Amino acid sequence: MRLLHLFMASILVIPVFTLQAQQDEHIIVITQLDTQLNNVNKTMLRNLYMGNLGLGDITPIALAPGELARSVFNVRVVGLTESRIQAYWAQMRFSGRKQRPIEASDPAEAILMVQSTVNTIAYVPAGTVLPKDVKIIFTSQTPQ
């Protein structure tokens, strides 16, 4: 009987952890409210963050290595692991061809950088409370 109670309790608890894990595994991309950019797709973001395409004069802001949202962005949007991206930027730095995105230490700093710098975009975890002067231009939760 005790085994049955433990089993039933685990069935009730697992969906809560699954929901939180799913929420943690998504990002949103933000910019200033008055920026002309209103919508971007995965390809545009991948190209911008990998230095291959400029969206006008938009400057990308990335989170620091070790941030979960960075790993989620790299896998879901860029399609590469952190180690592959680091190797790519080491090669680009050596050749002097491209500049890597500016880095913020955490989502709060990324939001402050977007608020204070014109024509910037940044990704933060989905569910992050945003100030009124920024808007969402991409979410990984919807099919792109």
Protein backbone atom coordinates (compact mmCIF):
# COMPACT_ATOMS: atom_id res chain seq x y z
CA MET A 1 0.00 0.00 0.00
CA ARG A 2 2.83 2.37 0.85
CA LEU A 3 4.39 1.74 -2.56
CA LEU A 4 1.10 2.72 -4.18
CA HIS A 5 1.06 6.02 -2.25
CA LEU A 6 4.61 6.80 -3.31
CA PHE A 7 3.77 6.01 -6.91
CA MET A 8 0.67 8.25 -6.84
CA ALA A 9 2.63 11.09 -5.22
CA SER A 10 5.33 10.86 -7.88
CA ILE A 11 2.72 11.02 -10.65
CA LEU A 12 1.36 14.25 -9.18
CA VAL A 13 4.80 15.86 -8.70
CA ILE A 14 6.45 14.95 -12.03
CA PRO A 15 4.20 17.19 -14.19
CA VAL A 16 5.15 20.23 -12.07
CA PHE A 17 8.86 19.61 -12.66
CA THR A 18 8.23 18.90 -16.35
CA LEU A 19 6.34 22.18 -16.75
CA GLN A 20 9.17 24.11 -15.10
CA ALA A 21 11.78 22.34 -17.24
CA GLN A 22 9.82 23.14 -20.39
CA GLN A 23 9.56 26.80 -19.38
CA ASP A 24 13.32 26.89 -18.69
CA GLU A 25 14.01 25.43 -22.11
CA HIS A 26 12.65 28.40 -24.05
CA ILE A 27 13.88 31.91 -24.69
CA ILE A 28 12.45 35.19 -25.89
CA VAL A 29 14.29 37.84 -27.88
CA ILE A 30 13.69 41.45 -26.89
CA THR A 31 14.44 44.93 -28.15
CA GLN A 32 13.47 48.51 -27.26
CA LEU A 33 9.82 49.36 -27.75
CA ASP A 34 10.57 52.08 -30.30
CA THR A 35 12.96 49.99 -32.44
CA GLN A 36 11.70 49.49 -36.00
CA LEU A 37 12.37 45.74 -35.79
CA ASN A 38 9.11 44.00 -34.88
CA ASN A 39 9.62 40.36 -35.79
CA VAL A 40 12.56 38.08 -36.55
CA ASN A 41 12.87 34.40 -37.34
CA LYS A 42 15.40 31.73 -36.38
CA THR A 43 17.42 32.15 -39.56
CA MET A 44 17.75 35.90 -39.10
CA LEU A 45 18.80 35.45 -35.45
CA ARG A 46 21.26 32.69 -36.27
CA ASN A 47 22.89 34.81 -38.94
CA LEU A 48 23.00 37.90 -36.72
CA TYR A 49 24.47 36.10 -33.70
CA MET A 50 27.01 34.25 -35.85
CA GLY A 51 28.17 37.47 -37.52
CA ASN A 52 26.86 36.60 -40.97
CA LEU A 53 24.08 39.12 -41.40
CA GLY A 54 23.42 42.53 -40.07
CA LEU A 55 19.82 43.49 -39.48
CA GLY A 56 20.50 47.09 -40.35
CA ASP A 57 22.41 48.53 -37.45
CA ILE A 58 21.07 46.07 -34.85
CA THR A 59 23.64 44.91 -32.29
CA PRO A 60 23.15 41.47 -30.69
CA ILE A 61 23.69 40.90 -26.98
CA ALA A 62 24.41 37.36 -25.81
CA LEU A 63 24.38 35.97 -22.30
CA ALA A 64 27.63 34.79 -20.71
CA PRO A 65 28.70 31.16 -21.00
CA GLY A 66 27.15 29.07 -18.25
CA GLU A 67 23.75 30.75 -18.41
CA LEU A 68 21.02 28.20 -19.16
CA ALA A 69 19.28 30.61 -21.57
CA ARG A 70 22.51 30.83 -23.58
CA SER A 71 22.61 27.05 -24.00
CA VAL A 72 18.93 27.00 -24.95
CA PHE A 73 19.47 29.81 -27.49
CA ASN A 74 22.52 28.08 -28.96
CA VAL A 75 20.74 24.77 -29.41
CA ARG A 76 17.22 25.95 -30.34
CA VAL A 77 18.10 28.96 -32.50
CA VAL A 78 21.71 28.71 -33.66
CA GLY A 79 21.69 24.93 -33.82
CA LEU A 80 25.17 24.48 -32.37
CA THR A 81 26.61 23.52 -29.00
CA GLU A 82 28.54 25.98 -26.87
CA SER A 83 31.85 24.30 -27.70
CA ARG A 84 31.21 24.53 -31.44
CA ILE A 85 30.28 28.20 -31.15
CA GLN A 86 33.41 28.93 -29.07
CA ALA A 87 35.56 27.19 -31.70
CA TYR A 88 33.88 29.20 -34.47
CA TRP A 89 34.53 32.51 -32.70
CA ALA A 90 38.13 31.56 -31.94
CA GLN A 91 38.66 30.99 -35.65
CA MET A 92 36.90 34.26 -36.57
CA ARG A 93 38.95 36.19 -34.00
CA PHE A 94 42.17 34.67 -35.33
CA SER A 95 41.28 35.61 -38.91
CA GLY A 96 39.97 39.03 -37.87
CA ARG A 97 36.86 38.62 -40.00
CA LYS A 98 33.95 38.98 -37.58
CA GLN A 99 33.07 40.35 -34.16
CA ARG A 100 31.26 38.17 -31.63
CA PRO A 101 28.14 39.55 -29.91
CA ILE A 102 28.47 41.71 -26.83
CA GLU A 103 28.00 39.63 -23.66
CA ALA A 104 25.83 40.35 -20.64
CA SER A 105 26.57 38.54 -17.39
CA ASP A 106 22.92 37.64 -16.73
CA PRO A 107 19.40 38.29 -18.06
CA ALA A 108 18.93 41.38 -15.87
CA GLU A 109 22.06 42.98 -17.34
CA ALA A 110 20.93 42.04 -20.87
CA ILE A 111 17.61 43.80 -20.28
CA LEU A 112 19.39 46.90 -18.94
CA MET A 113 21.69 46.94 -21.97
CA VAL A 114 18.70 46.77 -24.34
CA GLN A 115 16.93 49.54 -22.42
CA SER A 116 19.95 51.84 -22.46
CA THR A 117 21.37 51.20 -25.94
CA VAL A 118 19.55 51.99 -29.17
CA ASN A 119 19.19 49.22 -31.78
CA THR A 120 20.14 46.26 -29.62
CA ILE A 121 18.49 42.89 -29.18
CA ALA A 122 19.03 40.25 -26.50
CA TYR A 123 17.63 36.89 -25.53
CA VAL A 124 16.42 36.07 -22.04
CA PRO A 125 14.63 33.07 -20.52
CA ALA A 126 10.93 32.76 -21.39
CA GLY A 127 8.85 33.93 -18.46
CA THR A 128 11.26 36.74 -17.55
CA VAL A 129 9.38 39.77 -16.26
CA LEU A 130 10.04 42.57 -18.73
CA PRO A 131 9.88 46.33 -18.25
CA LYS A 132 7.32 48.27 -20.29
CA ASP A 133 9.91 49.85 -22.59
CA VAL A 134 10.97 46.57 -24.26
CA LYS A 135 9.09 44.30 -26.64
CA ILE A 136 9.33 40.65 -27.61
CA ILE A 137 10.27 40.04 -31.26
CA PHE A 138 10.83 36.27 -31.13
CA THR A 139 9.95 33.35 -28.91
CA SER A 140 11.26 29.81 -29.16
CA GLN A 141 7.98 28.45 -27.82
CA THR A 142 6.15 28.89 -31.11
CA PRO A 143 7.13 27.05 -34.29
CA GLN A 144 9.27 29.26 -36.52
